[in-house]
Every structure is written in C-alpha cells, then in structure tokens.
Amino acid sequence: MEKKTTYADAGVDIAAAERALARAKSAITATHTDAVLTGPADFGGMIALNADIADPVLVSGADGVGTKLKIAFALDRHDTVGQDCVAMNVDDIVCMGARPLFFLDYLGIGRLRPGVVESIIEGVAAACSAAGCVLLGGETAELPGMYAEGEYDLAGFAVGVVAREQIIDGSQVTQGDVILGLASSGLHSNGYSLARKALLEMGGYSLDAHVDELGCALGEELLRPTRLYCADLCRLFGTLPLPHGIAHVTGGGWLDNISRPLPEGLCLRLSAAAAPAPPVFDLIRSAGNVETAEMYRTFNMGLGMALVLTPEAVDDWARELTGAGHQCAVVGEVVAGEGPGTIEF
C-alpha cells in the first residue's frame, strides 16, 4: 500500500508539540492566581482585574530576545533566554508605573525538540513568577524551512495595570532632579550583533574559553540573563515618593533611554565615572576597536534601569533598592537644554 503523507512528513510534529506543552504545563500553571479564569488548553487567556485599583489603566509592551539567541544556539543552552524575554517586557511597562498582570510568549522554531521547548517555557514561567505576573498563554509554532536547524525566535507581550493618578509619564520631571542608576547583570539583551562581531569575529574569542577578565567562560557571561527590576520597583511605589520618570536602559544606551521621560527644554548631564562599566564591556571595546561614545550609545554599560528622582527622595530609594540586592549609583542630573544631553567620560 502506498504510504500516505502526513504533517510530520512535512516537518511539523503535532505529537512533539503536545509532549512539550504537557511537560511545561506545571511550570505555567504555577504562575496562576485566583484571578486567572482559563487554563493552558483554552483558545484565549482570561484574567480578572483587581477591583481595588481606582480608575485602572492598562499598559502593554512587546519585545524579543534578539541575536542573543545566537549564543544560546551555539552553546545549545536554552534555560536563560526565557528570563531575557520576560524582563525585556515587564521592565518596559514598569517605567509607566504599571504592575505586570500577565505575559504571553511566542516561540517560532524550525524543528520542535520537546526538551528545548520545555527549557525555554520553564525559564519564561520562572521569570514570570519572579516578576509577579501570570504566564497566561502563548504560542509555539513549528515552522520547517523558516529557521536554520537548531534555531528559533522568542518574543513576548506583557500587560500591566496602574491607577491613572499613579501613572509615571515624565510630566513631573524638573531641573535639578537626580538620576539614580541601577546596575545591570551584564549585556542584558541588547547590542549582541556588535558584541558577537567584536568578540567572536574580530577578537577571535571562543564561547567555551575561560576569560580571566570575566572570571568565567565567555559564553557564560554572554548568556547571563537580563535582570528583573519590576517586582522591587512595584513594591516601593506605594511606600516611597513616585519617581518623576523611569527608564529601562536597553538598545540606544544611556542618553537615548534615560532622556525619554524628560519634557522639552530639559536634558541630561551624566557621568560615566559614577558607575564604572563591568569588564565585559571593555573586552568588547578593545576587541572590536569601538569608540567609547559608540559603546554608550549601543550598550547599557552596566546600568539596566534609571530613576529620575527629586534630590530629597534619592537616599530612601537607594537604601531600599540596595536592601533588595540592587547596586545603585547617582549617575547625573536633569539640566536645562535641548536634545538628550551629554555624558562626561
């Protein structure tokens, strides 16, 4: 009898997808609260809004992991990129004062390997729990021919809520406000196209090689997951004076990101010496012969988040965030002027 063609013959294994979801189901449901009205098998996720929030406003964001995934592919290690995906989203919406409610992920993959998918989703779920939000749903799409063997793309979508009167939109920023920077865990998830070119192509480094300046293998440093800030910030929103502005320091570096909350007529005066960059950034700069200004325009250079605060509020915020395990430093101030501002090197 002539063999009948199946979907699996075309490269899509529905059974493998079902196995992967079944293996990750417990990690997903562990993020759920009583507000969740649906389960992983439903066509859409439903969650109830907290009735205690007066005049609630929903805040949303979408982002992906980017070419940092190339490092995960090369090392065949997939347990950290889930946190990268969550952090890039929830730490964006917290800049508006929003507490993350739920997260959705999208995983497009060439050939589905259940163990890899399980590792990714478990990483997403663990980061959601740490961020205080629900992993409400997502999509895993097996797309043969779309991606190279062993490769995939990972993106996410976060929705949070904030009371209208508590929105942080930069309208209160004034001249003399102080910039409090919070340390990053490394590169986070930005600038990897330049980092890979500088370190792997131009510098000839191997991902498996131990680098004395880093104290670990290069691959370990480059896969270090993006730090989550939102839970600690949200906890303090109700106890300390609200920041006048918050900036997630991602692609675009210091000036492009930290200047976002500033009204017209105000700009930044920042000091690079106030928060020395971790060794990995100097490694990239020297290996790729990258100018210092370009480094600060591309990478976070050791700052993952920045708060715009009144001078009177800085000490309280620094004390509380240090107690929560964050390294903090005053890196500049808001001054009169046009454009994003300046960095003193």
Protein backbone atom coordinates (compact mmCIF):
# COMPACT_ATOMS: atom_id res chain seq x y z
CA MET A 1 0.00 0.00 0.00
CA GLU A 2 1.26 3.45 -0.90
CA LYS A 3 2.38 5.44 2.15
CA LYS A 4 0.17 8.41 2.94
CA THR A 5 1.84 11.75 3.54
CA THR A 6 1.44 13.23 7.00
CA TYR A 7 2.01 16.62 8.57
CA ALA A 8 5.06 15.12 10.29
CA ASP A 9 6.49 14.25 6.87
CA ALA A 10 6.31 17.95 6.05
CA GLY A 11 8.29 18.76 9.18
CA VAL A 12 5.54 19.57 11.70
CA ASP A 13 5.24 17.07 14.56
CA ILE A 14 1.99 17.80 16.42
CA ALA A 15 2.66 14.99 18.89
CA ALA A 16 6.02 16.52 19.82
CA ALA A 17 4.34 19.86 20.41
CA GLU A 18 1.76 18.22 22.67
CA ARG A 19 4.52 16.47 24.64
CA ALA A 20 6.40 19.73 25.07
CA LEU A 21 3.31 21.55 26.33
CA ALA A 22 2.44 18.71 28.71
CA ARG A 23 5.95 18.76 30.18
CA ALA A 24 5.84 22.54 30.71
CA LYS A 25 2.23 22.70 31.94
CA SER A 26 3.08 22.56 35.64
CA ALA A 27 5.53 25.45 35.27
CA ILE A 28 2.87 27.51 33.51
CA THR A 29 0.07 26.83 35.99
CA ALA A 30 2.40 27.55 38.91
CA THR A 31 2.29 31.22 37.88
CA HIS A 32 -1.51 31.35 38.00
CA THR A 33 -3.55 33.07 40.69
CA ASP A 34 -7.23 33.10 41.58
CA ALA A 35 -7.67 35.91 39.05
CA VAL A 36 -6.97 33.52 36.15
CA LEU A 37 -10.19 32.21 34.62
CA THR A 38 -8.78 29.90 31.94
CA GLY A 39 -6.24 27.12 31.54
CA PRO A 40 -3.41 26.37 29.09
CA ALA A 41 -5.74 24.44 26.75
CA ASP A 42 -8.17 27.31 26.13
CA PHE A 43 -8.13 29.38 22.96
CA GLY A 44 -7.65 32.62 24.88
CA GLY A 45 -6.42 33.61 28.31
CA MET A 46 -8.72 35.47 30.70
CA ILE A 47 -7.79 37.27 33.88
CA ALA A 48 -9.88 39.43 36.21
CA LEU A 49 -8.78 42.98 37.01
CA ASN A 50 -8.18 43.84 40.65
CA ALA A 51 -11.28 45.73 41.76
CA ASP A 52 -9.22 47.64 44.34
CA ILE A 53 -7.47 49.72 41.65
CA ALA A 54 -9.23 53.03 41.16
CA ASP A 55 -9.58 54.16 37.53
CA PRO A 56 -7.27 51.40 36.20
CA VAL A 57 -5.21 51.96 33.05
CA LEU A 58 -3.73 49.03 31.13
CA VAL A 59 -0.13 49.31 29.94
CA SER A 60 1.28 46.93 27.33
CA GLY A 61 4.61 46.13 25.74
CA ALA A 62 6.15 43.73 23.25
CA ASP A 63 9.77 42.71 22.72
CA GLY A 64 12.01 39.79 21.86
CA VAL A 65 15.39 38.41 22.85
CA GLY A 66 17.16 39.31 19.60
CA THR A 67 20.50 37.96 18.44
CA LYS A 68 21.47 36.94 21.96
CA LEU A 69 19.69 33.77 20.88
CA LYS A 70 22.67 33.03 18.61
CA ILE A 71 24.73 32.42 21.75
CA ALA A 72 22.08 30.04 23.10
CA PHE A 73 22.07 28.14 19.79
CA ALA A 74 25.87 27.86 19.71
CA LEU A 75 26.03 26.51 23.26
CA ASP A 76 22.78 24.51 22.98
CA ARG A 77 21.68 26.08 26.26
CA HIS A 78 18.14 27.38 26.48
CA ASP A 79 17.34 27.83 30.18
CA THR A 80 18.17 31.56 30.40
CA VAL A 81 16.53 33.15 27.35
CA GLY A 82 13.04 32.87 28.86
CA GLN A 83 14.03 35.34 31.57
CA ASP A 84 15.51 37.64 28.93
CA CYS A 85 12.20 37.67 27.10
CA VAL A 86 10.12 38.38 30.21
CA ALA A 87 12.49 41.03 31.57
CA MET A 88 12.62 42.99 28.32
CA ASN A 89 8.85 43.37 28.50
CA VAL A 90 7.90 43.75 32.16
CA ASP A 91 10.78 46.13 32.84
CA ASP A 92 9.49 48.31 29.99
CA ILE A 93 5.94 48.66 31.28
CA VAL A 94 7.05 49.26 34.89
CA CYS A 95 8.57 52.51 33.60
CA MET A 96 4.99 53.81 33.39
CA GLY A 97 4.33 52.73 36.97
CA ALA A 98 2.47 49.59 35.87
CA ARG A 99 2.41 46.37 37.84
CA PRO A 100 2.59 43.46 35.34
CA LEU A 101 -0.58 41.37 35.26
CA PHE A 102 0.18 38.76 32.64
CA PHE A 103 2.63 37.70 29.98
CA LEU A 104 2.23 35.89 26.65
CA ASP A 105 5.08 34.30 24.74
CA TYR A 106 5.59 33.40 21.10
CA LEU A 107 8.12 30.75 20.10
CA GLY A 108 8.73 30.10 16.41
CA ILE A 109 11.01 27.12 15.83
CA GLY A 110 12.20 25.18 12.80
CA ARG A 111 12.10 21.69 14.29
CA LEU A 112 10.48 21.20 17.65
CA ARG A 113 12.58 19.42 20.24
CA PRO A 114 10.41 18.91 23.37
CA GLY A 115 13.35 19.24 25.78
CA VAL A 116 14.40 22.58 24.29
CA VAL A 117 10.84 23.95 24.29
CA GLU A 118 10.31 22.78 27.86
CA SER A 119 13.51 24.51 28.98
CA ILE A 120 12.50 27.77 27.30
CA ILE A 121 8.96 27.78 28.70
CA GLU A 122 10.12 26.85 32.19
CA GLY A 123 12.50 29.81 32.04
CA VAL A 124 9.66 32.09 30.97
CA ALA A 125 7.43 30.78 33.77
CA ALA A 126 10.11 31.17 36.46
CA ALA A 127 10.74 34.77 35.37
CA CYS A 128 7.00 35.50 35.39
CA SER A 129 6.81 34.23 38.97
CA ALA A 130 9.77 36.40 39.97
CA ALA A 131 8.18 39.41 38.26
CA GLY A 132 4.84 38.81 39.99
CA CYS A 133 2.82 38.20 36.84
CA VAL A 134 0.90 35.32 35.30
CA LEU A 135 2.04 33.35 32.26
CA LEU A 136 -1.44 33.47 30.75
CA GLY A 137 -0.81 31.86 27.39
CA GLY A 138 1.36 31.73 24.32
CA GLU A 139 2.06 30.07 21.03
CA THR A 140 4.65 27.54 19.92
CA ALA A 141 4.82 27.33 16.13
CA GLU A 142 6.85 24.68 14.35
CA LEU A 143 7.88 26.27 11.04
CA PRO A 144 10.06 23.95 8.93
CA GLY A 145 12.16 25.82 6.42
CA MET A 146 11.75 29.14 8.23
CA TYR A 147 14.69 28.74 10.62
CA ALA A 148 18.07 27.04 10.37
CA GLU A 149 18.47 23.72 12.16
CA GLY A 150 18.56 24.25 15.93
CA GLU A 151 17.36 27.86 15.73
CA TYR A 152 14.20 29.66 16.84
CA ASP A 153 12.86 33.09 17.68
CA LEU A 154 11.37 34.08 21.02
CA ALA A 155 9.21 37.13 21.66
CA GLY A 156 6.79 38.19 24.36
CA PHE A 157 3.96 40.52 25.25
CA ALA A 158 3.25 41.95 28.70
CA VAL A 159 0.19 43.73 30.04
CA GLY A 160 0.16 45.60 33.34
CA VAL A 161 -2.13 47.93 35.25
CA VAL A 162 -1.69 51.25 37.02
CA ALA A 163 -4.14 53.63 38.65
CA ARG A 164 -4.50 56.70 36.44
CA GLU A 165 -3.31 59.05 39.17
CA GLN A 166 -0.19 56.91 39.70
CA ILE A 167 0.99 56.92 36.08
CA ILE A 168 4.68 57.85 35.70
CA ASP A 169 4.89 59.78 32.43
CA GLY A 170 7.73 62.25 32.96
CA SER A 171 5.44 65.26 33.24
CA GLN A 172 6.75 65.95 36.77
CA VAL A 173 10.45 65.95 35.81
CA THR A 174 12.10 69.26 36.69
CA GLN A 175 15.53 70.82 36.50
CA GLY A 176 17.67 69.57 39.39
CA ASP A 177 16.15 66.10 39.52
CA VAL A 178 18.73 63.37 40.10
CA ILE A 179 19.35 60.20 38.06
CA LEU A 180 19.72 57.05 40.17
CA GLY A 181 21.13 54.18 38.13
CA LEU A 182 20.56 50.50 38.96
CA ALA A 183 23.26 48.04 37.94
CA SER A 184 22.69 45.58 35.14
CA SER A 185 23.67 41.91 35.25
CA GLY A 186 25.72 42.36 32.09
CA LEU A 187 24.75 43.00 28.49
CA HIS A 188 21.11 42.04 29.17
CA SER A 189 19.59 41.55 25.69
CA ASN A 190 20.92 44.42 23.62
CA GLY A 191 23.87 45.06 21.34
CA TYR A 192 24.60 41.40 20.64
CA SER A 193 25.17 41.92 16.91
CA LEU A 194 28.07 44.25 17.76
CA ALA A 195 29.21 42.11 20.70
CA ARG A 196 29.38 38.96 18.58
CA LYS A 197 31.21 40.75 15.77
CA ALA A 198 33.75 42.28 18.16
CA LEU A 199 34.39 39.25 20.35
CA LEU A 200 33.90 36.25 18.07
CA GLU A 201 34.86 37.60 14.63
CA MET A 202 37.38 40.34 15.33
CA GLY A 203 38.71 39.21 18.71
CA GLY A 204 38.76 35.51 17.88
CA TYR A 205 37.38 34.52 21.27
CA SER A 206 35.73 31.13 21.81
CA LEU A 207 32.46 30.89 23.74
CA ASP A 208 33.85 27.95 25.69
CA ALA A 209 37.12 29.65 26.63
CA HIS A 210 37.67 30.98 30.15
CA VAL A 211 38.39 34.72 30.10
CA ASP A 212 40.41 35.90 33.09
CA GLU A 213 38.96 39.42 32.99
CA LEU A 214 35.45 37.97 33.30
CA GLY A 215 36.21 35.21 35.77
CA CYS A 216 34.19 32.75 33.69
CA ALA A 217 33.78 31.38 30.18
CA LEU A 218 32.79 33.96 27.58
CA GLY A 219 29.60 32.06 26.74
CA GLU A 220 28.52 32.09 30.39
CA GLU A 221 28.96 35.86 30.54
CA LEU A 222 27.09 36.45 27.30
CA LEU A 223 24.16 34.25 28.37
CA ARG A 224 23.84 35.89 31.77
CA PRO A 225 20.09 36.59 31.99
CA THR A 226 18.60 40.07 31.98
CA ARG A 227 17.94 41.36 35.48
CA LEU A 228 14.34 41.76 36.62
CA TYR A 229 13.58 45.09 38.31
CA CYS A 230 9.81 45.40 38.19
CA ALA A 231 8.86 43.49 41.35
CA ASP A 232 11.16 45.54 43.58
CA LEU A 233 10.09 48.81 41.97
CA CYS A 234 6.39 48.00 42.22
CA ARG A 235 6.79 47.12 45.90
CA LEU A 236 8.19 50.60 46.57
CA PHE A 237 5.69 52.58 44.51
CA GLY A 238 3.24 52.56 47.39
CA THR A 239 5.74 53.36 50.15
CA LEU A 240 8.13 55.95 48.66
CA PRO A 241 7.51 59.10 46.62
CA LEU A 242 6.88 58.12 42.99
CA PRO A 243 9.82 58.70 40.66
CA HIS A 244 9.29 61.55 38.23
CA GLY A 245 10.47 59.24 35.48
CA ILE A 246 11.83 55.74 34.95
CA ALA A 247 13.91 54.49 32.03
CA HIS A 248 14.72 50.90 31.07
CA VAL A 249 18.23 51.11 29.60
CA THR A 250 18.10 48.93 26.50
CA GLY A 251 19.08 49.46 22.85
CA GLY A 252 20.15 53.06 22.44
CA GLY A 253 22.24 53.14 25.58
CA TRP A 254 22.28 55.81 28.25
CA LEU A 255 21.25 59.04 26.59
CA ASP A 256 18.54 57.75 24.24
CA ASN A 257 16.79 55.83 27.01
CA ILE A 258 17.24 57.95 30.12
CA SER A 259 16.17 61.10 28.26
CA ARG A 260 12.84 59.57 27.19
CA PRO A 261 10.83 60.77 30.22
CA LEU A 262 12.19 64.32 30.00
CA PRO A 263 9.90 67.17 28.89
CA GLU A 264 11.03 69.67 26.26
CA GLY A 265 13.60 72.15 27.48
CA LEU A 266 15.31 69.66 29.78
CA CYS A 267 18.19 67.30 29.13
CA LEU A 268 20.71 65.11 30.95
CA ARG A 269 24.17 65.61 32.34
CA LEU A 270 25.57 62.16 33.07
CA SER A 271 28.91 60.90 34.37
CA ALA A 272 30.33 57.59 33.15
CA ALA A 273 32.80 57.59 36.04
CA ALA A 274 29.93 57.46 38.54
CA ALA A 275 29.14 53.87 37.51
CA PRO A 276 32.21 52.12 36.06
CA ALA A 277 31.29 49.60 33.36
CA PRO A 278 31.80 45.88 34.08
CA PRO A 279 34.78 44.15 32.37
CA VAL A 280 32.75 42.58 29.54
CA PHE A 281 32.17 46.00 28.01
CA ASP A 282 35.86 46.87 27.96
CA LEU A 283 36.51 43.47 26.37
CA ILE A 284 34.08 44.33 23.57
CA ARG A 285 35.50 47.83 23.16
CA SER A 286 39.11 46.64 22.86
CA ALA A 287 38.42 43.56 20.73
CA GLY A 288 36.28 45.47 18.26
CA ASN A 289 38.09 48.82 18.40
CA VAL A 290 34.80 50.50 19.30
CA GLU A 291 34.77 54.16 20.32
CA THR A 292 33.63 54.92 23.86
CA ALA A 293 30.72 57.08 22.66
CA GLU A 294 29.51 54.24 20.43
CA MET A 295 29.67 51.83 23.38
CA TYR A 296 27.44 54.10 25.47
CA ARG A 297 25.07 54.51 22.52
CA THR A 298 24.74 50.75 21.96
CA PHE A 299 25.02 49.00 25.34
CA ASN A 300 23.69 49.56 28.85
CA MET A 301 27.32 49.83 30.07
CA GLY A 302 26.39 48.42 33.45
CA LEU A 303 23.10 50.27 34.05
CA GLY A 304 19.87 48.39 33.49
CA MET A 305 17.38 50.90 34.89
CA ALA A 306 17.42 54.58 35.80
CA LEU A 307 15.09 56.51 38.10
CA VAL A 308 14.53 60.26 37.84
CA LEU A 309 14.04 61.41 41.44
CA THR A 310 13.91 64.56 43.49
CA PRO A 311 17.14 65.08 45.45
CA GLU A 312 15.18 64.50 48.67
CA ALA A 313 13.98 61.07 47.53
CA VAL A 314 17.30 59.64 46.33
CA ASP A 315 18.61 58.33 49.65
CA ASP A 316 15.39 56.49 50.51
CA TRP A 317 15.17 54.84 47.09
CA ALA A 318 18.86 53.91 47.13
CA ARG A 319 18.58 52.41 50.61
CA GLU A 320 15.52 50.30 49.78
CA LEU A 321 16.85 49.09 46.44
CA THR A 322 20.25 48.25 47.92
CA GLY A 323 18.45 46.24 50.58
CA ALA A 324 16.68 44.34 47.80
CA GLY A 325 20.03 43.39 46.28
CA HIS A 326 20.50 46.09 43.65
CA GLN A 327 23.67 48.13 43.23
CA CYS A 328 22.78 51.82 42.92
CA ALA A 329 24.69 54.95 41.97
CA VAL A 330 23.80 58.55 41.27
CA VAL A 331 24.93 58.99 37.67
CA GLY A 332 23.77 62.50 36.82
CA GLU A 333 21.09 65.14 36.90
CA VAL A 334 18.47 66.90 34.84
CA VAL A 335 19.54 70.30 33.49
CA ALA A 336 18.12 72.92 31.17
CA GLY A 337 18.84 72.37 27.50
CA GLU A 338 17.74 70.74 24.27
CA GLY A 339 18.43 67.26 22.98
CA PRO A 340 19.17 64.20 25.09
CA GLY A 341 22.16 65.73 26.88
CA THR A 342 25.78 64.80 27.48
CA ILE A 343 27.90 62.09 29.08
CA GLU A 344 31.20 63.04 30.71
CA PHE A 345 33.76 60.27 30.06
